[in-house]
Amino acid sequence: MHERNKSPLSALLTILEHACVLKRLPRAGWLLNGVVPCESVADHTTGVALLTLALADALNADWQAHGLERPLDTGRALRLAVLHDFAESRVTDLPKRSTLLLGAEAKRRAEEEAFSIILGALPAANDYATLWQEYINEASPEARVVHDADTLEMVHQALLYERAGHRTLDEFWQGHRWHYRLCEQLFDVLRNARA
């Protein structure tokens, strides 16, 4: 982690500054497909966090039937959701086509470095780094529900943009892998609403 000698106030101001960047940073995939204006990364993160909360509660209502060994830790899932795209305040929102050219590993390393720079001076920096790695590696049931929520929020946004007249968004509907049957069912509902 970087900048451990920063004061807590300075570290907190850094968080606020990067949060403001996310509020202004448009989601690049939408821009590249002609959606102007489009949502910001912060808009997306809010949607992911709210959907994560609702999905975790829905899955926890009958956690064993959903193949879980224990109920989801909703607080942990929310922390993962809030942090999942925070590195983009430094790396920017790299669209899928950029990641394909750069390689997923190069993107991951850049995001890891950005995450370290942004959060490295906070007292819980190591905890945040662990959470981010957990999300990236889909290493827990909570991380997997956030991945599903991330995709579902994007697909829902694509549906809304299509209803507003955008017709170049097929790529946002393709190639998804689901961790929970409930999320796959919700995707099916969204896809059917598209037709």
Protein backbone atom coordinates (compact mmCIF):
# COMPACT_ATOMS: atom_id res chain seq x y z
CA MET A 1 0.00 0.00 0.00
CA HIS A 2 1.08 3.55 -0.70
CA GLU A 3 1.28 6.70 1.37
CA ARG A 4 0.86 5.19 4.82
CA ASN A 5 2.17 8.39 6.44
CA LYS A 6 -0.74 10.52 5.21
CA SER A 7 -2.99 11.96 7.87
CA PRO A 8 -6.47 10.43 8.22
CA LEU A 9 -8.00 13.75 7.10
CA SER A 10 -5.89 13.79 3.97
CA ALA A 11 -6.80 10.18 3.23
CA LEU A 12 -10.51 10.94 3.67
CA LEU A 13 -10.26 13.95 1.38
CA THR A 14 -8.66 11.69 -1.22
CA ILE A 15 -11.70 9.41 -1.02
CA LEU A 16 -14.04 12.37 -1.53
CA GLU A 17 -12.02 13.61 -4.50
CA HIS A 18 -12.08 10.21 -6.18
CA ALA A 19 -15.79 9.80 -5.45
CA CYS A 20 -16.37 13.10 -7.28
CA VAL A 21 -14.38 11.79 -10.25
CA LEU A 22 -16.70 8.76 -10.39
CA LYS A 23 -19.72 11.08 -10.41
CA ARG A 24 -18.37 12.83 -13.51
CA LEU A 25 -16.87 9.79 -15.26
CA PRO A 26 -19.23 8.43 -17.94
CA ARG A 27 -19.48 4.70 -18.56
CA ALA A 28 -17.36 4.35 -21.68
CA GLY A 29 -19.26 1.43 -23.21
CA TRP A 30 -22.38 3.53 -23.52
CA LEU A 31 -20.49 6.45 -25.08
CA LEU A 32 -18.86 4.17 -27.64
CA ASN A 33 -22.33 2.97 -28.62
CA GLY A 34 -23.74 6.46 -29.10
CA VAL A 35 -25.57 6.89 -25.80
CA VAL A 36 -25.15 10.58 -24.92
CA PRO A 37 -25.69 11.61 -22.23
CA CYS A 38 -25.14 8.39 -20.30
CA GLU A 39 -24.83 7.25 -16.73
CA SER A 40 -21.68 7.85 -14.70
CA VAL A 41 -19.64 5.18 -12.94
CA ALA A 42 -21.09 6.46 -9.65
CA ASP A 43 -24.62 6.06 -11.02
CA HIS A 44 -23.78 2.47 -11.91
CA THR A 45 -22.17 1.77 -8.52
CA THR A 46 -25.28 3.03 -6.72
CA GLY A 47 -27.46 0.71 -8.80
CA VAL A 48 -25.13 -2.23 -8.14
CA ALA A 49 -25.13 -1.56 -4.39
CA LEU A 50 -28.93 -1.33 -4.20
CA LEU A 51 -29.40 -4.45 -6.32
CA THR A 52 -26.78 -6.30 -4.23
CA LEU A 53 -28.76 -5.46 -1.10
CA ALA A 54 -32.01 -6.73 -2.61
CA LEU A 55 -30.42 -9.86 -4.13
CA ALA A 56 -28.65 -10.76 -0.88
CA ASP A 57 -31.90 -10.45 1.04
CA ALA A 58 -33.78 -12.50 -1.56
CA LEU A 59 -31.13 -15.23 -1.57
CA ASN A 60 -30.91 -15.24 2.23
CA ALA A 61 -34.67 -15.77 2.52
CA ASP A 62 -34.04 -19.40 1.48
CA TRP A 63 -30.25 -19.61 1.35
CA GLN A 64 -30.03 -23.41 1.37
CA ALA A 65 -32.35 -23.70 -1.63
CA HIS A 66 -29.98 -21.35 -3.48
CA GLY A 67 -27.03 -23.68 -2.86
CA LEU A 68 -25.40 -21.56 -0.18
CA GLU A 69 -23.58 -23.11 2.78
CA ARG A 70 -24.55 -20.13 4.93
CA PRO A 71 -26.54 -16.93 4.56
CA LEU A 72 -24.75 -14.17 2.68
CA ASP A 73 -23.07 -11.49 4.79
CA THR A 74 -25.06 -8.58 3.39
CA GLY A 75 -22.77 -5.95 4.92
CA ARG A 76 -19.73 -7.53 3.29
CA ALA A 77 -21.55 -7.77 -0.04
CA LEU A 78 -22.43 -4.07 0.15
CA ARG A 79 -18.82 -3.14 0.91
CA LEU A 80 -17.75 -5.14 -2.14
CA ALA A 81 -20.39 -3.45 -4.28
CA VAL A 82 -19.37 0.05 -3.21
CA LEU A 83 -15.68 -0.68 -3.83
CA HIS A 84 -15.94 -2.79 -6.99
CA ASP A 85 -15.31 0.03 -9.52
CA PHE A 86 -13.53 2.53 -7.26
CA ALA A 87 -10.19 2.09 -9.08
CA GLU A 88 -11.85 3.50 -12.19
CA SER A 89 -11.55 6.96 -10.64
CA ARG A 90 -7.86 6.65 -11.53
CA VAL A 91 -7.75 4.11 -14.40
CA THR A 92 -11.05 5.29 -15.98
CA ASP A 93 -13.82 3.04 -17.16
CA LEU A 94 -12.16 0.78 -19.72
CA PRO A 95 -14.74 -0.67 -22.08
CA LYS A 96 -14.74 -4.34 -22.99
CA ARG A 97 -13.03 -3.69 -26.33
CA SER A 98 -10.11 -1.96 -24.54
CA THR A 99 -9.73 -4.80 -22.08
CA LEU A 100 -9.62 -7.27 -24.97
CA LEU A 101 -6.73 -5.32 -26.53
CA LEU A 102 -4.81 -4.64 -23.32
CA GLY A 103 -5.50 -7.98 -21.71
CA ALA A 104 -7.44 -8.69 -18.54
CA GLU A 105 -4.24 -9.11 -16.50
CA ALA A 106 -2.88 -5.68 -17.48
CA LYS A 107 -6.22 -4.11 -16.54
CA ARG A 108 -6.24 -5.96 -13.22
CA ARG A 109 -2.70 -4.81 -12.38
CA ALA A 110 -3.51 -1.20 -13.25
CA GLU A 111 -6.67 -1.28 -11.14
CA GLU A 112 -4.81 -2.89 -8.24
CA GLU A 113 -2.18 -0.13 -8.34
CA ALA A 114 -4.87 2.56 -8.57
CA PHE A 115 -6.77 1.03 -5.69
CA SER A 116 -3.61 1.03 -3.61
CA ILE A 117 -2.88 4.68 -4.41
CA ILE A 118 -6.43 5.83 -3.63
CA LEU A 119 -7.07 3.84 -0.46
CA GLY A 120 -3.54 3.09 0.71
CA ALA A 121 -3.41 5.77 3.41
CA LEU A 122 -6.62 4.70 5.16
CA PRO A 123 -6.35 2.71 8.39
CA ALA A 124 -8.38 -0.13 6.81
CA ALA A 125 -6.38 -0.12 3.54
CA ASN A 126 -5.39 -3.77 3.84
CA ASP A 127 -9.01 -4.74 4.51
CA TYR A 128 -10.14 -2.83 1.41
CA ALA A 129 -7.41 -4.45 -0.68
CA THR A 130 -8.52 -7.87 0.55
CA LEU A 131 -12.14 -7.06 -0.31
CA TRP A 132 -11.20 -5.88 -3.79
CA GLN A 133 -9.14 -9.04 -4.43
CA GLU A 134 -12.07 -11.11 -3.17
CA TYR A 135 -14.32 -9.37 -5.69
CA ILE A 136 -11.86 -9.68 -8.59
CA ASN A 137 -11.28 -13.38 -7.87
CA GLU A 138 -14.99 -14.09 -7.21
CA ALA A 139 -13.63 -15.78 -4.09
CA SER A 140 -16.75 -15.70 -1.91
CA PRO A 141 -20.51 -16.03 -2.25
CA GLU A 142 -20.72 -12.28 -1.54
CA ALA A 143 -18.29 -11.43 -4.34
CA ARG A 144 -20.24 -13.64 -6.71
CA VAL A 145 -23.56 -11.94 -5.91
CA VAL A 146 -21.91 -8.56 -6.57
CA HIS A 147 -20.65 -9.83 -9.94
CA ASP A 148 -24.18 -10.89 -10.81
CA ALA A 149 -25.59 -7.55 -9.61
CA ASP A 150 -22.96 -5.69 -11.64
CA THR A 151 -24.02 -7.48 -14.81
CA LEU A 152 -27.75 -7.24 -14.10
CA GLU A 153 -27.54 -3.51 -13.44
CA MET A 154 -25.73 -3.04 -16.76
CA VAL A 155 -28.27 -5.17 -18.66
CA HIS A 156 -31.16 -3.27 -17.08
CA GLN A 157 -29.54 0.03 -18.09
CA ALA A 158 -29.16 -1.31 -21.64
CA LEU A 159 -32.86 -2.11 -21.66
CA LEU A 160 -33.70 1.44 -20.56
CA TYR A 161 -31.43 2.94 -23.22
CA GLU A 162 -33.00 0.70 -25.87
CA ARG A 163 -36.46 1.82 -24.81
CA ALA A 164 -35.22 5.39 -25.31
CA GLY A 165 -34.35 4.53 -28.92
CA HIS A 166 -30.73 3.30 -28.89
CA ARG A 167 -30.32 0.29 -31.18
CA THR A 168 -26.61 -0.56 -30.97
CA LEU A 169 -26.47 -2.26 -27.58
CA ASP A 170 -26.53 -5.98 -28.44
CA GLU A 171 -23.05 -6.52 -26.94
CA PHE A 172 -24.38 -5.74 -23.46
CA TRP A 173 -26.74 -8.72 -23.63
CA GLN A 174 -24.21 -11.35 -24.63
CA GLY A 175 -21.79 -13.73 -22.95
CA HIS A 176 -22.96 -13.58 -19.35
CA ARG A 177 -22.18 -16.26 -16.77
CA TRP A 178 -24.39 -16.41 -13.69
CA HIS A 179 -23.46 -17.52 -10.19
CA TYR A 180 -27.02 -17.72 -8.88
CA ARG A 181 -30.09 -19.14 -10.58
CA LEU A 182 -32.16 -16.24 -9.23
CA CYS A 183 -29.92 -13.80 -11.12
CA GLU A 184 -30.18 -15.85 -14.29
CA GLN A 185 -33.97 -15.79 -13.93
CA LEU A 186 -33.92 -12.01 -13.52
CA PHE A 187 -31.77 -11.75 -16.67
CA ASP A 188 -34.34 -13.87 -18.52
CA VAL A 189 -37.10 -11.48 -17.43
CA LEU A 190 -35.07 -8.49 -18.66
CA ARG A 191 -34.24 -10.20 -21.96
CA ASN A 192 -37.92 -11.08 -22.49
CA ALA A 193 -38.88 -7.46 -21.75
CA ARG A 194 -36.46 -6.47 -24.51
CA ALA A 195 -38.41 -8.50 -27.06
